[in-house]
N, C-alpha and C. Protein backbone atom coordinates (compact mmCIF):
# COMPACT_ATOMS: atom_id res chain seq x y z
N UNK A 1 57.14 140.45 91.38
CA UNK A 1 56.75 139.13 90.89
C UNK A 1 56.43 138.23 92.07
N UNK A 2 55.41 137.42 91.89
CA UNK A 2 54.96 136.58 92.99
C UNK A 2 55.37 135.13 92.75
N UNK A 3 56.07 134.58 93.75
CA UNK A 3 56.54 133.19 93.71
C UNK A 3 55.71 132.38 94.70
N UNK A 4 55.14 131.28 94.26
CA UNK A 4 54.39 130.41 95.15
C UNK A 4 55.07 129.06 95.27
N UNK A 5 55.21 128.57 96.50
CA UNK A 5 55.84 127.27 96.74
C UNK A 5 54.82 126.36 97.43
N UNK A 6 54.52 125.25 96.78
CA UNK A 6 53.59 124.27 97.35
C UNK A 6 54.23 123.63 98.59
N UNK A 7 53.43 123.43 99.63
CA UNK A 7 53.90 122.71 100.81
C UNK A 7 52.91 121.59 101.12
N UNK A 8 53.44 120.46 101.59
CA UNK A 8 52.58 119.29 101.85
C UNK A 8 53.31 118.38 102.83
N UNK A 9 52.57 117.49 103.48
CA UNK A 9 53.15 116.54 104.42
C UNK A 9 54.19 115.68 103.70
N UNK A 10 55.31 115.45 104.37
CA UNK A 10 56.40 114.62 103.88
C UNK A 10 57.18 115.24 102.73
N UNK A 11 57.02 116.54 102.52
CA UNK A 11 57.90 117.21 101.55
C UNK A 11 59.33 117.21 102.10
N UNK A 12 60.29 117.25 101.19
CA UNK A 12 61.70 117.40 101.58
C UNK A 12 61.91 118.87 101.94
N UNK A 13 62.32 119.12 103.19
CA UNK A 13 62.36 120.49 103.69
C UNK A 13 63.21 121.41 102.81
N UNK A 14 64.41 120.97 102.43
CA UNK A 14 65.27 121.83 101.64
C UNK A 14 64.76 122.02 100.21
N UNK A 15 63.95 121.11 99.72
CA UNK A 15 63.34 121.31 98.41
C UNK A 15 62.43 122.53 98.43
N UNK A 16 61.85 122.82 99.59
CA UNK A 16 61.02 124.00 99.76
C UNK A 16 61.83 125.19 100.24
N UNK A 17 62.67 124.96 101.26
CA UNK A 17 63.39 126.07 101.89
C UNK A 17 64.49 126.63 100.99
N UNK A 18 65.11 125.79 100.15
CA UNK A 18 66.14 126.28 99.25
C UNK A 18 65.58 127.32 98.29
N UNK A 19 64.52 127.01 97.53
CA UNK A 19 63.90 128.02 96.68
C UNK A 19 63.41 129.24 97.45
N UNK A 20 62.84 129.03 98.63
CA UNK A 20 62.38 130.14 99.45
C UNK A 20 63.53 131.10 99.74
N UNK A 21 64.67 130.54 100.13
CA UNK A 21 65.83 131.35 100.46
C UNK A 21 66.38 132.08 99.24
N UNK A 22 66.41 131.40 98.09
CA UNK A 22 66.93 132.04 96.88
C UNK A 22 66.10 133.28 96.53
N UNK A 23 64.79 133.14 96.47
CA UNK A 23 63.98 134.26 96.02
C UNK A 23 63.88 135.37 97.06
N UNK A 24 63.83 135.04 98.34
CA UNK A 24 63.78 136.09 99.35
C UNK A 24 65.14 136.81 99.45
N UNK A 25 66.22 136.07 99.29
CA UNK A 25 67.54 136.71 99.28
C UNK A 25 67.70 137.59 98.05
N UNK A 26 67.25 137.11 96.90
CA UNK A 26 67.32 137.93 95.68
C UNK A 26 66.54 139.22 95.85
N UNK A 27 65.39 139.16 96.49
CA UNK A 27 64.59 140.37 96.73
C UNK A 27 65.34 141.33 97.65
N UNK A 28 65.99 140.78 98.67
CA UNK A 28 66.73 141.62 99.61
C UNK A 28 67.94 142.27 98.94
N UNK A 29 68.68 141.49 98.13
CA UNK A 29 69.84 142.04 97.41
C UNK A 29 69.39 143.11 96.43
N UNK A 30 68.31 142.84 95.70
CA UNK A 30 67.79 143.82 94.74
C UNK A 30 67.37 145.11 95.42
N UNK A 31 66.77 144.99 96.60
CA UNK A 31 66.25 146.17 97.31
C UNK A 31 67.34 147.17 97.68
N UNK A 32 68.59 146.70 97.79
CA UNK A 32 69.68 147.61 98.16
C UNK A 32 69.84 148.75 97.15
N UNK A 33 69.48 148.50 95.91
CA UNK A 33 69.62 149.53 94.88
C UNK A 33 68.35 150.30 94.59
N UNK A 34 67.32 150.11 95.42
CA UNK A 34 66.02 150.75 95.19
C UNK A 34 65.74 151.81 96.25
N UNK A 35 64.79 152.65 95.95
CA UNK A 35 64.37 153.68 96.91
C UNK A 35 63.73 153.01 98.13
N UNK A 36 63.88 153.65 99.28
CA UNK A 36 63.28 153.12 100.50
C UNK A 36 61.77 152.99 100.32
N UNK A 37 61.22 151.88 100.75
CA UNK A 37 59.78 151.65 100.67
C UNK A 37 59.31 151.08 99.35
N UNK A 38 60.23 150.83 98.41
CA UNK A 38 59.84 150.25 97.12
C UNK A 38 59.33 148.83 97.32
N UNK A 39 58.42 148.41 96.48
CA UNK A 39 57.91 147.04 96.57
C UNK A 39 59.04 146.05 96.26
N UNK A 40 59.05 144.90 96.95
CA UNK A 40 60.10 143.92 96.68
C UNK A 40 59.99 143.34 95.28
N UNK A 41 61.14 142.98 94.71
CA UNK A 41 61.15 142.37 93.38
C UNK A 41 60.38 141.05 93.39
N UNK A 42 60.63 140.23 94.41
CA UNK A 42 59.95 138.94 94.56
C UNK A 42 59.24 138.89 95.90
N UNK A 43 58.02 138.40 95.90
CA UNK A 43 57.29 138.07 97.13
C UNK A 43 57.02 136.58 97.08
N UNK A 44 57.32 135.88 98.19
CA UNK A 44 57.20 134.42 98.21
C UNK A 44 56.07 134.01 99.15
N UNK A 45 55.20 133.14 98.65
CA UNK A 45 54.07 132.63 99.43
C UNK A 45 54.13 131.11 99.47
N UNK A 46 53.99 130.53 100.66
CA UNK A 46 53.86 129.07 100.76
C UNK A 46 52.37 128.73 100.65
N UNK A 47 52.07 127.66 99.92
CA UNK A 47 50.69 127.34 99.57
C UNK A 47 50.40 125.89 99.94
N UNK A 48 49.39 125.69 100.77
CA UNK A 48 48.99 124.35 101.20
C UNK A 48 47.59 124.01 100.74
N UNK A 49 47.24 122.74 100.87
CA UNK A 49 45.88 122.31 100.51
C UNK A 49 44.86 123.07 101.35
N UNK A 50 45.21 123.31 102.60
CA UNK A 50 44.41 124.14 103.50
C UNK A 50 45.40 124.88 104.40
N UNK A 51 44.91 125.53 105.43
CA UNK A 51 45.79 126.36 106.24
C UNK A 51 46.40 125.63 107.45
N UNK A 52 46.14 124.35 107.58
CA UNK A 52 46.74 123.65 108.71
C UNK A 52 48.23 123.46 108.46
N UNK A 53 49.05 123.42 109.52
CA UNK A 53 50.49 123.18 109.33
C UNK A 53 50.74 121.84 108.65
N UNK A 54 51.75 121.78 107.83
CA UNK A 54 52.19 120.51 107.25
C UNK A 54 53.47 120.11 107.95
N UNK A 55 53.74 118.81 107.95
CA UNK A 55 54.94 118.31 108.61
C UNK A 55 55.89 117.77 107.55
N UNK A 56 57.06 118.40 107.44
CA UNK A 56 58.04 117.99 106.45
C UNK A 56 58.58 116.61 106.77
N UNK A 57 59.26 116.03 105.81
CA UNK A 57 59.76 114.67 105.93
C UNK A 57 60.58 114.45 107.20
N UNK A 58 61.38 115.44 107.59
CA UNK A 58 62.22 115.30 108.79
C UNK A 58 61.49 115.70 110.06
N UNK A 59 60.22 116.13 109.94
CA UNK A 59 59.42 116.40 111.13
C UNK A 59 59.09 117.85 111.40
N UNK A 60 59.81 118.79 110.78
CA UNK A 60 59.54 120.20 111.04
C UNK A 60 58.18 120.60 110.49
N UNK A 61 57.42 121.36 111.28
CA UNK A 61 56.13 121.84 110.82
C UNK A 61 56.27 123.18 110.09
N UNK A 62 55.51 123.33 109.03
CA UNK A 62 55.50 124.56 108.24
C UNK A 62 54.05 125.03 108.12
N UNK A 63 53.84 126.32 108.42
CA UNK A 63 52.50 126.89 108.34
C UNK A 63 52.30 127.55 106.97
N UNK A 64 51.39 127.04 106.15
CA UNK A 64 51.17 127.67 104.84
C UNK A 64 50.66 129.10 104.99
N UNK A 65 51.08 129.95 104.05
CA UNK A 65 50.59 131.34 104.02
C UNK A 65 49.23 131.43 103.38
N UNK A 66 48.94 130.51 102.45
CA UNK A 66 47.71 130.59 101.66
C UNK A 66 47.29 129.18 101.27
N UNK A 67 46.14 129.07 100.64
CA UNK A 67 45.62 127.77 100.22
C UNK A 67 45.62 127.66 98.70
N UNK A 68 45.42 126.44 98.21
CA UNK A 68 45.36 126.21 96.78
C UNK A 68 44.29 127.06 96.11
N UNK A 69 43.22 127.35 96.83
CA UNK A 69 42.11 128.10 96.24
C UNK A 69 42.21 129.60 96.49
N UNK A 70 43.05 129.99 97.44
CA UNK A 70 43.13 131.41 97.80
C UNK A 70 44.59 131.82 97.93
N UNK A 71 45.15 132.28 96.83
CA UNK A 71 46.51 132.82 96.83
C UNK A 71 46.62 133.82 95.69
N UNK A 72 47.61 134.70 95.74
CA UNK A 72 47.76 135.67 94.65
C UNK A 72 48.10 134.97 93.35
N UNK A 73 47.81 135.59 92.21
CA UNK A 73 48.27 135.05 90.92
C UNK A 73 49.79 134.93 90.94
N UNK A 74 50.30 133.81 90.41
CA UNK A 74 51.73 133.52 90.52
C UNK A 74 52.45 133.76 89.20
N UNK A 75 53.63 134.35 89.30
CA UNK A 75 54.53 134.42 88.16
C UNK A 75 55.31 133.11 88.04
N UNK A 76 55.62 132.51 89.19
CA UNK A 76 56.37 131.25 89.21
C UNK A 76 55.80 130.37 90.31
N UNK A 77 55.41 129.16 89.97
CA UNK A 77 54.92 128.17 90.94
C UNK A 77 55.95 127.06 91.05
N UNK A 78 56.32 126.72 92.28
CA UNK A 78 57.36 125.72 92.52
C UNK A 78 56.79 124.56 93.32
N UNK A 79 57.03 123.35 92.83
CA UNK A 79 56.55 122.12 93.48
C UNK A 79 57.77 121.37 94.01
N UNK A 80 57.95 121.31 95.33
CA UNK A 80 59.09 120.57 95.89
C UNK A 80 58.85 119.07 95.84
N UNK A 81 59.89 118.32 96.18
CA UNK A 81 59.77 116.87 96.23
C UNK A 81 59.69 116.37 97.66
N UNK A 82 60.00 115.11 97.82
CA UNK A 82 59.89 114.44 99.11
C UNK A 82 59.21 113.11 98.88
N UNK A 83 58.46 112.65 99.87
CA UNK A 83 57.65 111.46 99.71
C UNK A 83 56.31 111.92 99.12
N UNK A 84 56.10 111.65 97.84
CA UNK A 84 54.96 112.25 97.14
C UNK A 84 53.85 111.23 96.84
N UNK A 85 53.92 110.07 97.45
CA UNK A 85 52.93 109.01 97.17
C UNK A 85 51.50 109.49 97.36
N UNK A 86 51.24 110.15 98.49
CA UNK A 86 49.88 110.64 98.75
C UNK A 86 49.50 111.75 97.79
N UNK A 87 50.46 112.62 97.48
CA UNK A 87 50.17 113.76 96.60
C UNK A 87 49.83 113.29 95.18
N UNK A 88 50.42 112.20 94.76
CA UNK A 88 50.13 111.68 93.42
C UNK A 88 48.69 111.18 93.29
N UNK A 89 48.04 110.97 94.44
CA UNK A 89 46.65 110.51 94.44
C UNK A 89 45.67 111.65 94.72
N UNK A 90 46.19 112.84 94.99
CA UNK A 90 45.33 113.94 95.41
C UNK A 90 44.91 114.78 94.21
N UNK A 91 43.66 114.66 93.81
CA UNK A 91 43.18 115.34 92.61
C UNK A 91 43.23 116.86 92.75
N UNK A 92 42.97 117.36 93.95
CA UNK A 92 42.96 118.81 94.15
C UNK A 92 44.35 119.40 93.88
N UNK A 93 45.38 118.73 94.39
CA UNK A 93 46.75 119.21 94.18
C UNK A 93 47.15 119.09 92.71
N UNK A 94 46.82 117.95 92.09
CA UNK A 94 47.17 117.76 90.69
C UNK A 94 46.45 118.75 89.79
N UNK A 95 45.19 119.05 90.09
CA UNK A 95 44.45 120.04 89.31
C UNK A 95 45.09 121.42 89.47
N UNK A 96 45.55 121.73 90.68
CA UNK A 96 46.21 123.02 90.91
C UNK A 96 47.49 123.12 90.08
N UNK A 97 48.25 122.03 90.01
CA UNK A 97 49.47 122.03 89.19
C UNK A 97 49.12 122.29 87.73
N UNK A 98 48.09 121.61 87.24
CA UNK A 98 47.66 121.84 85.87
C UNK A 98 47.21 123.27 85.64
N UNK A 99 46.54 123.84 86.62
CA UNK A 99 46.11 125.24 86.50
C UNK A 99 47.30 126.19 86.44
N UNK A 100 48.33 125.92 87.25
CA UNK A 100 49.52 126.78 87.24
C UNK A 100 50.27 126.68 85.92
N UNK A 101 50.20 125.52 85.28
CA UNK A 101 50.82 125.38 83.96
C UNK A 101 50.17 126.34 82.96
N UNK A 102 48.88 126.58 83.15
CA UNK A 102 48.17 127.48 82.25
C UNK A 102 48.29 128.94 82.66
N UNK A 103 48.43 129.19 83.96
CA UNK A 103 48.33 130.57 84.47
C UNK A 103 49.67 131.20 84.81
N UNK A 104 50.58 130.44 85.39
CA UNK A 104 51.86 131.01 85.83
C UNK A 104 52.81 131.14 84.65
N UNK A 105 53.68 132.11 84.73
CA UNK A 105 54.70 132.27 83.69
C UNK A 105 55.64 131.07 83.65
N UNK A 106 55.99 130.57 84.86
CA UNK A 106 56.88 129.41 84.96
C UNK A 106 56.32 128.45 86.01
N UNK A 107 56.29 127.17 85.69
CA UNK A 107 55.99 126.10 86.63
C UNK A 107 57.26 125.29 86.79
N UNK A 108 57.73 125.14 88.03
CA UNK A 108 59.00 124.45 88.28
C UNK A 108 58.83 123.38 89.34
N UNK A 109 59.73 122.40 89.30
CA UNK A 109 59.73 121.36 90.34
C UNK A 109 61.14 121.07 90.80
N UNK A 110 61.24 120.61 92.02
CA UNK A 110 62.50 120.16 92.60
C UNK A 110 62.36 118.67 92.91
N UNK A 111 63.35 117.88 92.52
CA UNK A 111 63.41 116.47 92.90
C UNK A 111 62.15 115.72 92.46
N UNK A 112 61.53 114.97 93.38
CA UNK A 112 60.36 114.16 93.02
C UNK A 112 59.11 115.00 92.79
N UNK A 113 59.22 116.30 92.94
CA UNK A 113 58.12 117.16 92.51
C UNK A 113 57.81 116.94 91.04
N UNK A 114 58.82 116.52 90.26
CA UNK A 114 58.61 116.23 88.84
C UNK A 114 57.59 115.11 88.66
N UNK A 115 57.51 114.16 89.59
CA UNK A 115 56.52 113.09 89.48
C UNK A 115 55.11 113.66 89.57
N UNK A 116 54.95 114.68 90.41
CA UNK A 116 53.64 115.32 90.54
C UNK A 116 53.29 116.09 89.27
N UNK A 117 54.28 116.77 88.68
CA UNK A 117 54.03 117.44 87.41
C UNK A 117 53.66 116.43 86.34
N UNK A 118 54.37 115.30 86.33
CA UNK A 118 54.08 114.26 85.34
C UNK A 118 52.67 113.72 85.52
N UNK A 119 52.30 113.40 86.76
CA UNK A 119 50.97 112.85 87.01
C UNK A 119 49.88 113.85 86.65
N UNK A 120 50.19 115.14 86.77
CA UNK A 120 49.23 116.18 86.39
C UNK A 120 49.14 116.35 84.88
N UNK A 121 50.05 115.69 84.15
CA UNK A 121 50.00 115.71 82.69
C UNK A 121 50.69 116.89 82.04
N UNK A 122 51.49 117.63 82.81
CA UNK A 122 52.09 118.85 82.24
C UNK A 122 53.47 118.62 81.65
N UNK A 123 54.01 117.39 81.77
CA UNK A 123 55.33 117.11 81.23
C UNK A 123 55.30 116.31 79.92
N UNK A 124 54.13 115.93 79.47
CA UNK A 124 54.05 115.12 78.26
C UNK A 124 54.72 115.82 77.08
N UNK A 125 55.63 115.11 76.43
CA UNK A 125 56.32 115.66 75.28
C UNK A 125 57.50 116.56 75.61
N UNK A 126 57.72 116.79 76.90
CA UNK A 126 58.81 117.67 77.32
C UNK A 126 59.97 116.86 77.88
N UNK A 127 61.16 117.44 77.86
CA UNK A 127 62.29 116.88 78.58
C UNK A 127 62.18 117.30 80.04
N UNK A 128 62.58 116.41 80.95
CA UNK A 128 62.48 116.70 82.38
C UNK A 128 63.47 115.83 83.13
N UNK A 129 63.75 116.23 84.37
CA UNK A 129 64.62 115.42 85.22
C UNK A 129 64.06 115.40 86.64
N UNK A 130 64.67 114.56 87.46
CA UNK A 130 64.31 114.45 88.87
C UNK A 130 65.53 113.88 89.60
N UNK A 131 65.37 113.56 90.86
CA UNK A 131 66.47 112.96 91.63
C UNK A 131 66.92 111.67 90.94
N UNK A 132 68.21 111.40 90.98
CA UNK A 132 68.75 110.24 90.25
C UNK A 132 68.09 108.93 90.66
N UNK A 133 67.66 108.81 91.93
CA UNK A 133 67.01 107.57 92.37
C UNK A 133 65.63 107.37 91.76
N UNK A 134 65.05 108.46 91.24
CA UNK A 134 63.65 108.41 90.82
C UNK A 134 63.45 108.55 89.32
N UNK A 135 64.55 108.51 88.57
CA UNK A 135 64.45 108.66 87.12
C UNK A 135 63.61 107.55 86.49
N UNK A 136 63.81 106.31 86.94
CA UNK A 136 63.03 105.20 86.38
C UNK A 136 61.56 105.31 86.77
N UNK A 137 61.29 105.80 87.99
CA UNK A 137 59.89 106.00 88.39
C UNK A 137 59.22 107.01 87.48
N UNK A 138 59.95 108.07 87.13
CA UNK A 138 59.39 109.08 86.23
C UNK A 138 59.10 108.48 84.86
N UNK A 139 60.02 107.64 84.38
CA UNK A 139 59.80 106.98 83.08
C UNK A 139 58.57 106.09 83.10
N UNK A 140 58.43 105.33 84.19
CA UNK A 140 57.29 104.41 84.29
C UNK A 140 55.97 105.17 84.44
N UNK A 141 56.02 106.22 85.22
CA UNK A 141 54.80 106.97 85.51
C UNK A 141 54.22 107.62 84.27
N UNK A 142 55.11 108.16 83.44
CA UNK A 142 54.63 108.91 82.27
C UNK A 142 55.59 108.71 81.11
N UNK A 143 55.41 107.66 80.32
CA UNK A 143 56.33 107.36 79.22
C UNK A 143 56.47 108.50 78.20
N UNK A 144 55.50 109.42 78.16
CA UNK A 144 55.57 110.53 77.20
C UNK A 144 56.59 111.59 77.60
N UNK A 145 57.14 111.49 78.81
CA UNK A 145 58.16 112.45 79.27
C UNK A 145 59.53 112.00 78.76
N UNK A 146 60.30 112.93 78.21
CA UNK A 146 61.65 112.63 77.76
C UNK A 146 62.61 112.85 78.94
N UNK A 147 62.88 111.79 79.67
CA UNK A 147 63.64 111.88 80.92
C UNK A 147 65.12 112.10 80.63
N UNK A 148 65.69 113.10 81.28
CA UNK A 148 67.11 113.43 81.13
C UNK A 148 67.85 113.06 82.40
N UNK A 149 68.97 112.35 82.27
CA UNK A 149 69.81 112.03 83.43
C UNK A 149 71.11 112.81 83.37
N UNK A 150 71.73 112.93 84.55
CA UNK A 150 73.04 113.55 84.63
C UNK A 150 73.04 115.06 84.45
N UNK A 151 71.88 115.69 84.66
CA UNK A 151 71.80 117.15 84.56
C UNK A 151 71.24 117.71 85.86
N UNK A 152 71.57 118.97 86.15
CA UNK A 152 71.09 119.61 87.37
C UNK A 152 69.65 120.09 87.22
N UNK A 153 69.35 120.65 86.05
CA UNK A 153 67.98 121.07 85.77
C UNK A 153 67.75 121.03 84.26
N UNK A 154 66.46 121.05 83.91
CA UNK A 154 66.05 121.08 82.50
C UNK A 154 65.07 122.23 82.34
N UNK A 155 65.39 123.15 81.45
CA UNK A 155 64.56 124.33 81.21
C UNK A 155 63.84 124.16 79.87
N UNK A 156 62.52 123.99 79.94
CA UNK A 156 61.69 123.86 78.75
C UNK A 156 60.83 125.10 78.55
N UNK A 157 61.33 126.23 79.03
CA UNK A 157 60.59 127.48 78.87
C UNK A 157 59.60 127.70 79.98
N UNK A 158 58.35 127.31 79.76
CA UNK A 158 57.32 127.50 80.77
C UNK A 158 57.37 126.46 81.87
N UNK A 159 58.11 125.37 81.66
CA UNK A 159 58.23 124.30 82.66
C UNK A 159 59.71 124.00 82.87
N UNK A 160 60.12 124.02 84.14
CA UNK A 160 61.52 123.78 84.50
C UNK A 160 61.55 122.74 85.62
N UNK A 161 62.38 121.71 85.47
CA UNK A 161 62.49 120.66 86.49
C UNK A 161 63.94 120.55 86.93
N UNK A 162 64.15 120.09 88.16
CA UNK A 162 65.52 119.92 88.65
C UNK A 162 65.69 118.58 89.33
N UNK A 163 66.95 118.21 89.50
CA UNK A 163 67.29 117.04 90.31
C UNK A 163 67.12 117.43 91.79
N UNK A 164 67.76 116.70 92.70
CA UNK A 164 67.48 116.85 94.12
C UNK A 164 68.15 118.02 94.81
N UNK A 165 67.52 118.49 95.86
CA UNK A 165 67.94 119.48 96.85
C UNK A 165 68.83 120.59 96.31
N UNK A 166 70.16 120.39 96.27
CA UNK A 166 71.05 121.49 95.87
C UNK A 166 70.83 121.86 94.41
N UNK A 167 70.44 120.89 93.58
CA UNK A 167 70.13 121.20 92.19
C UNK A 167 68.92 122.13 92.11
N UNK A 168 68.00 122.01 93.06
CA UNK A 168 66.86 122.93 93.10
C UNK A 168 67.29 124.35 93.40
N UNK A 169 68.32 124.51 94.23
CA UNK A 169 68.86 125.85 94.49
C UNK A 169 69.50 126.40 93.22
N UNK A 170 70.28 125.56 92.54
CA UNK A 170 70.88 125.97 91.26
C UNK A 170 69.80 126.40 90.28
N UNK A 171 68.73 125.61 90.18
CA UNK A 171 67.64 125.93 89.27
C UNK A 171 67.00 127.26 89.61
N UNK A 172 66.78 127.51 90.90
CA UNK A 172 66.11 128.75 91.29
C UNK A 172 66.99 129.97 91.04
N UNK A 173 68.28 129.83 91.19
CA UNK A 173 69.17 130.93 90.80
C UNK A 173 69.08 131.16 89.29
N UNK A 174 68.98 130.08 88.53
CA UNK A 174 68.75 130.20 87.09
C UNK A 174 67.44 130.92 86.81
N UNK A 175 66.41 130.65 87.60
CA UNK A 175 65.13 131.33 87.41
C UNK A 175 65.22 132.80 87.77
N UNK A 176 66.00 133.15 88.78
CA UNK A 176 66.23 134.56 89.10
C UNK A 176 66.85 135.25 87.89
N UNK A 177 67.83 134.58 87.26
CA UNK A 177 68.45 135.15 86.06
C UNK A 177 67.43 135.31 84.95
N UNK A 178 66.54 134.35 84.78
CA UNK A 178 65.51 134.44 83.74
C UNK A 178 64.50 135.53 84.04
N UNK A 179 64.07 135.62 85.28
CA UNK A 179 63.02 136.55 85.64
C UNK A 179 63.53 137.97 85.83
N UNK A 180 64.83 138.11 86.09
CA UNK A 180 65.41 139.44 86.24
C UNK A 180 66.71 139.55 85.47
N UNK A 181 67.87 139.28 86.13
CA UNK A 181 69.15 139.37 85.42
C UNK A 181 70.13 138.34 85.97
N UNK A 182 71.10 137.99 85.13
CA UNK A 182 72.17 137.11 85.56
C UNK A 182 72.97 137.77 86.68
N UNK A 183 73.14 139.08 86.61
CA UNK A 183 73.90 139.80 87.65
C UNK A 183 73.24 139.64 89.02
N UNK A 184 71.91 139.72 89.07
CA UNK A 184 71.22 139.54 90.35
C UNK A 184 71.36 138.10 90.83
N UNK A 185 71.27 137.14 89.93
CA UNK A 185 71.43 135.74 90.33
C UNK A 185 72.81 135.51 90.93
N UNK A 186 73.84 136.05 90.30
CA UNK A 186 75.20 135.89 90.83
C UNK A 186 75.37 136.59 92.17
N UNK A 187 74.80 137.78 92.30
CA UNK A 187 74.89 138.50 93.57
C UNK A 187 74.14 137.76 94.67
N UNK A 188 73.02 137.11 94.30
CA UNK A 188 72.26 136.34 95.28
C UNK A 188 73.06 135.13 95.75
N UNK A 189 73.67 134.41 94.82
CA UNK A 189 74.51 133.26 95.19
C UNK A 189 75.65 133.70 96.09
N UNK A 190 76.26 134.84 95.78
CA UNK A 190 77.36 135.34 96.61
C UNK A 190 76.86 135.69 98.01
N UNK A 191 75.70 136.34 98.08
CA UNK A 191 75.13 136.68 99.39
C UNK A 191 74.86 135.42 100.21
N UNK A 192 74.43 134.37 99.55
CA UNK A 192 74.15 133.10 100.23
C UNK A 192 75.41 132.29 100.50
N UNK A 193 76.56 132.77 100.01
CA UNK A 193 77.81 132.01 100.12
C UNK A 193 77.63 130.63 99.48
N UNK A 194 76.98 130.63 98.33
CA UNK A 194 76.64 129.39 97.65
C UNK A 194 77.41 129.30 96.34
N UNK A 195 78.01 128.15 96.09
CA UNK A 195 78.80 127.92 94.88
C UNK A 195 77.85 127.48 93.77
N UNK A 196 77.28 128.46 93.09
CA UNK A 196 76.25 128.20 92.08
C UNK A 196 76.85 127.57 90.84
N UNK A 197 76.27 126.45 90.41
CA UNK A 197 76.61 125.86 89.12
C UNK A 197 75.67 126.47 88.08
N UNK A 198 76.21 127.38 87.28
CA UNK A 198 75.37 128.18 86.39
C UNK A 198 74.85 127.42 85.18
N UNK A 199 75.47 126.29 84.86
CA UNK A 199 75.01 125.51 83.72
C UNK A 199 74.48 124.17 84.23
N UNK A 200 73.45 123.68 83.57
CA UNK A 200 72.82 122.44 84.09
C UNK A 200 73.66 121.21 83.87
């Protein structure tokens, strides 16, 4: 299964790196029970507007593996949060999010990534959440979204949103359970030495 993570300037680094670590660790844990040379369960690709490095909110540069127009078909597309003001105005990125809603099995967001999903129009009529500081912004941005507070993540089937940073890790472990098994999700959390909150 192919996991794609959007990267952009001023993204929150752990909103991207947390999901990256969950799925790559899950692939590594799963591989222990497979024949040598078997294809990995999950392959993770970082996806940028173009191939130039992006600079995360704290300053670290990240080199995208692929572009919005050239990447493998995704089983799961993940949109991290951060300072998303510029991204909310970028039609190319918003169109890509809308396309993933139609093409990917699951479209997910971490933190203020939910604002980008909302602006792309993919949350209308759905329940969703974001970082506690940004719940009112989500309500104002898209009144058709049923905003949920006090939860780690909201699973609406094809669209899954989470609160901030560590909640995104919890959500991605939940996605591992959905895409494969609960046993693998638990083994991945153990390998990461992470105290997974299994319920939202």
